[in-house]
Amino acid sequence: EMNSSDQDEKRYDPHDATLISDDDDEDQGLRAEMSCGHAVTPQSLTGWCRSLLDQGQYKFKCPAFDEDTQEICGAVWPYREVRRLADLSVEEMEYFEETIARLAAAEYQEFREVSVSNFRSVFTLTVLLKTSCLPLTVPWV
């Protein structure tokens, strides 16, 4: 179980050249730019991705809203990028990775069951069609 003190201690290294400073918002401080171009703090990134996992979603999608297009970005962030830029603790990494594995396995199992079920239905239908199309022999004619 993760504790909230992990969230309070997250800070980016101010000497990291890949980070951008948000001078307009002193409370936010340094932000990291994600692969889609949107900026995040480690706390906001961890919180967002954890909320997605808690909802059963293991694909991390950017929630940024584009004022020009009136659409949500929706870019999928690779877990490696999330892990690095969210500055995940060991406990958080374990939680994220175990949850991702469990959700992905459940989705794969569901996909397999649907595929097998569809195969059985098609196979059964094919057998029925082939057997019901046999020529009829009427003994009284």
Protein backbone atom coordinates (compact mmCIF):
# COMPACT_ATOMS: atom_id res chain seq x y z
CA GLU A 1 0.00 0.00 0.00
CA MET A 2 1.35 3.41 -0.92
CA ASN A 3 1.29 6.20 1.60
CA SER A 4 0.58 9.86 0.90
CA SER A 5 3.98 11.00 2.20
CA ASP A 6 5.50 9.54 -0.98
CA GLN A 7 3.44 12.06 -2.94
CA ASP A 8 4.63 15.07 -0.91
CA GLU A 9 8.33 14.30 -1.36
CA LYS A 10 8.37 14.08 -5.16
CA ARG A 11 10.60 16.70 -6.72
CA TYR A 12 12.40 16.91 -10.04
CA ASP A 13 16.11 17.58 -10.12
CA PRO A 14 16.42 21.33 -10.89
CA HIS A 15 19.66 20.64 -12.82
CA ASP A 16 17.95 18.23 -15.24
CA ALA A 17 18.11 19.90 -18.67
CA THR A 18 15.05 17.98 -19.93
CA LEU A 19 12.76 19.82 -17.50
CA ILE A 20 10.89 23.04 -18.10
CA SER A 21 10.20 25.73 -15.53
CA ASP A 22 6.72 27.16 -15.24
CA ASP A 23 7.34 30.75 -14.17
CA ASP A 24 3.61 31.56 -14.25
CA ASP A 25 2.82 29.06 -11.51
CA GLU A 26 5.31 29.15 -8.65
CA ASP A 27 3.43 26.45 -6.71
CA GLN A 28 3.93 23.91 -9.48
CA GLY A 29 7.66 24.53 -9.93
CA LEU A 30 9.48 22.28 -12.39
CA ARG A 31 7.54 20.21 -14.86
CA ALA A 32 8.59 17.44 -17.19
CA GLU A 33 7.51 17.43 -20.81
CA MET A 34 5.81 14.20 -21.83
CA SER A 35 6.33 12.64 -25.28
CA CYS A 36 3.07 14.27 -26.47
CA GLY A 37 4.40 17.73 -25.57
CA HIS A 38 2.27 18.37 -22.48
CA ALA A 39 3.94 19.23 -19.17
CA VAL A 40 3.36 17.47 -15.85
CA THR A 41 4.57 17.50 -12.28
CA PRO A 42 5.55 14.17 -10.70
CA GLN A 43 2.58 14.42 -8.32
CA SER A 44 0.02 15.10 -11.05
CA LEU A 45 1.42 12.34 -13.27
CA THR A 46 1.43 9.78 -10.44
CA GLY A 47 -2.08 10.77 -9.35
CA TRP A 48 -3.53 10.63 -12.86
CA CYS A 49 -1.97 7.27 -13.74
CA ARG A 50 -2.97 5.77 -10.40
CA SER A 51 -6.57 6.92 -10.96
CA LEU A 52 -6.55 5.20 -14.37
CA LEU A 53 -5.26 1.96 -12.81
CA ASP A 54 -7.92 2.18 -10.08
CA GLN A 55 -10.54 2.42 -12.86
CA GLY A 56 -9.16 -0.73 -14.50
CA GLN A 57 -7.29 1.08 -17.28
CA TYR A 58 -3.63 0.22 -17.74
CA LYS A 59 -2.96 2.35 -20.82
CA PHE A 60 -1.90 5.79 -19.62
CA LYS A 61 -3.45 8.46 -21.84
CA CYS A 62 -2.74 12.18 -21.67
CA PRO A 63 -5.76 14.04 -20.24
CA ALA A 64 -4.72 17.49 -21.51
CA PHE A 65 -7.50 19.45 -23.20
CA ASP A 66 -6.59 21.41 -26.34
CA GLU A 67 -8.49 24.70 -26.39
CA ASP A 68 -7.98 25.11 -30.15
CA THR A 69 -9.31 21.72 -31.25
CA GLN A 70 -11.67 21.29 -28.27
CA GLU A 71 -10.39 17.72 -27.90
CA ILE A 72 -8.53 15.75 -25.27
CA CYS A 73 -4.96 14.88 -26.29
CA GLY A 74 -5.34 11.14 -25.54
CA ALA A 75 -1.75 10.28 -26.47
CA VAL A 76 -0.69 6.99 -24.88
CA TRP A 77 2.32 7.34 -22.60
CA PRO A 78 4.62 4.30 -22.40
CA TYR A 79 4.97 2.94 -18.87
CA ARG A 80 8.77 3.47 -18.97
CA GLU A 81 8.17 7.19 -19.54
CA VAL A 82 5.57 7.35 -16.77
CA ARG A 83 7.82 5.46 -14.35
CA ARG A 84 10.71 7.84 -14.97
CA LEU A 85 8.84 11.14 -15.03
CA ALA A 86 6.43 10.31 -12.19
CA ASP A 87 9.51 9.61 -10.06
CA LEU A 88 7.84 6.47 -8.72
CA SER A 89 9.00 5.02 -5.41
CA VAL A 90 9.79 1.30 -5.17
CA GLU A 91 6.36 0.68 -3.60
CA GLU A 92 4.62 2.68 -6.34
CA MET A 93 6.52 0.80 -9.06
CA GLU A 94 5.48 -2.53 -7.52
CA TYR A 95 1.84 -1.40 -7.31
CA PHE A 96 1.83 -0.04 -10.88
CA GLU A 97 3.57 -3.07 -12.40
CA GLU A 98 1.47 -5.66 -10.54
CA THR A 99 -1.75 -3.83 -11.44
CA ILE A 100 -0.74 -3.40 -15.10
CA ALA A 101 0.16 -7.11 -15.33
CA ARG A 102 -3.13 -8.17 -13.70
CA LEU A 103 -5.27 -5.91 -15.92
CA ALA A 104 -3.43 -6.88 -19.11
CA ALA A 105 -3.73 -10.59 -18.26
CA ALA A 106 -7.45 -10.22 -17.57
CA GLU A 107 -7.95 -8.42 -20.89
CA TYR A 108 -5.96 -11.11 -22.74
CA GLN A 109 -7.98 -13.88 -21.07
CA GLU A 110 -11.24 -12.13 -21.99
CA PHE A 111 -10.03 -11.78 -25.60
CA ARG A 112 -9.10 -15.49 -25.74
CA GLU A 113 -12.47 -16.54 -24.33
CA VAL A 114 -14.33 -14.41 -26.89
CA SER A 115 -12.15 -15.76 -29.72
CA VAL A 116 -12.69 -19.39 -28.68
CA SER A 117 -16.40 -18.76 -28.24
CA ASN A 118 -16.64 -17.17 -31.69
CA PHE A 119 -14.66 -20.05 -33.20
CA ARG A 120 -17.00 -22.58 -31.61
CA SER A 121 -20.05 -20.68 -32.86
CA VAL A 122 -18.72 -20.47 -36.42
CA PHE A 123 -17.63 -24.13 -36.33
CA THR A 124 -21.03 -25.27 -34.99
CA LEU A 125 -22.87 -23.16 -37.55
CA THR A 126 -20.71 -24.56 -40.37
CA VAL A 127 -21.37 -28.15 -39.26
CA LEU A 128 -25.11 -27.47 -39.00
CA LEU A 129 -25.23 -25.89 -42.44
CA LYS A 130 -23.30 -28.74 -44.03
CA THR A 131 -25.37 -31.47 -42.40
CA SER A 132 -28.72 -29.80 -43.00
CA CYS A 133 -28.05 -29.41 -46.71
CA LEU A 134 -28.06 -33.16 -47.37
CA PRO A 135 -30.44 -34.19 -50.17
CA LEU A 136 -33.80 -35.30 -48.86
CA THR A 137 -35.00 -38.75 -49.80
CA VAL A 138 -38.72 -39.11 -49.59
CA PRO A 139 -39.69 -42.80 -49.38
CA TRP A 140 -43.29 -42.40 -50.57
CA VAL A 141 -42.45 -40.83 -53.93
